[in-house]
Amino acid sequence: MIRLCLLLLLLPQLAQAVCRQALSLALDVSSSVDDSEYRLQIEGVIAALNAPTVQQILFLQPETPITLHVFEWSGPVNHTIVVPWTSITSPADLARITAQLRAHERGTKAPNTAIGSAMLAGFTYLEQQPDCWMRTLDISGDGETNTGPLPEEIGDDLRPEGVIVNGLVVGSGNFFGDQVSLQSLEDLRDYYLENVIRGPGSFVEVALDYDDYAATMERKLLRELAAQILGQSSETGGSKG
């Protein structure tokens, strides 16, 4: 509630932009994500976008809306747009996005994981929204890069000015007595912290498994849509200045 009140104080500044924020969600659909996990991922995005706390921010100032884009990624050349850039000004806009997500047929399930290529694709998409006050790329994934350009080799000269890159990493959920699974998730979080995220206030959120994806996505959206605008960050997950 405090953050929302502070956000209201910033509305005159936000009104100078065509949109408050352009947010592109990049979803991992590589072969490590099975069909049931894929559905949990899609339904998780839907549930998070429709959470009352998220909707409250999405509909806050329709004259300078948040603009959303969703795409899937797997191999170096496998990028499929699920939801084209859509300004969210009303419940009808959000309902249309929800329908597009539910109706979408999964893109190419490549056997490899190309995070660097997904980042470059996301940068290209975000360049289509030059007039937004903030531009954010959010990459979800359950593994490290094993093909294509390495994320750490993608310099800031290739990142559009002002674009923030955040991450959402997903574990296997096999943590009861399985120290290996827990360590693997911590290693993946650290990999994203060190190599993937970038920009002031960028962060990584952690889902224990795909059953935890909806709650983690909601938490992530709240940080991106409110906490980043206020120059604040919550204590969950990791962050990088």
Foldseek 3Di string as FASTA:
>chain_A
DVLVVVVVVCVVVQLVFQAAEEEEEEEEQAPVQDPVLVVLQLVLLLLLCPPPVNVCLQQVDLSHGYWYWYWYDADLPWIGTQGATFGRHDVVSSVVSNVSSVPDDDTDHHNFGALLSVVLVQQVSQVVRVRHPAYEYEYEEADAHDDDDFQQPDDPVSHPPRYWYAYEYAFPLPPDVDVVRVVSQVVVLVCCVVGPTDDQWHFYAYADHSNRSNVRSNVVSCCVSGVVVVSHGDPGGGTDD
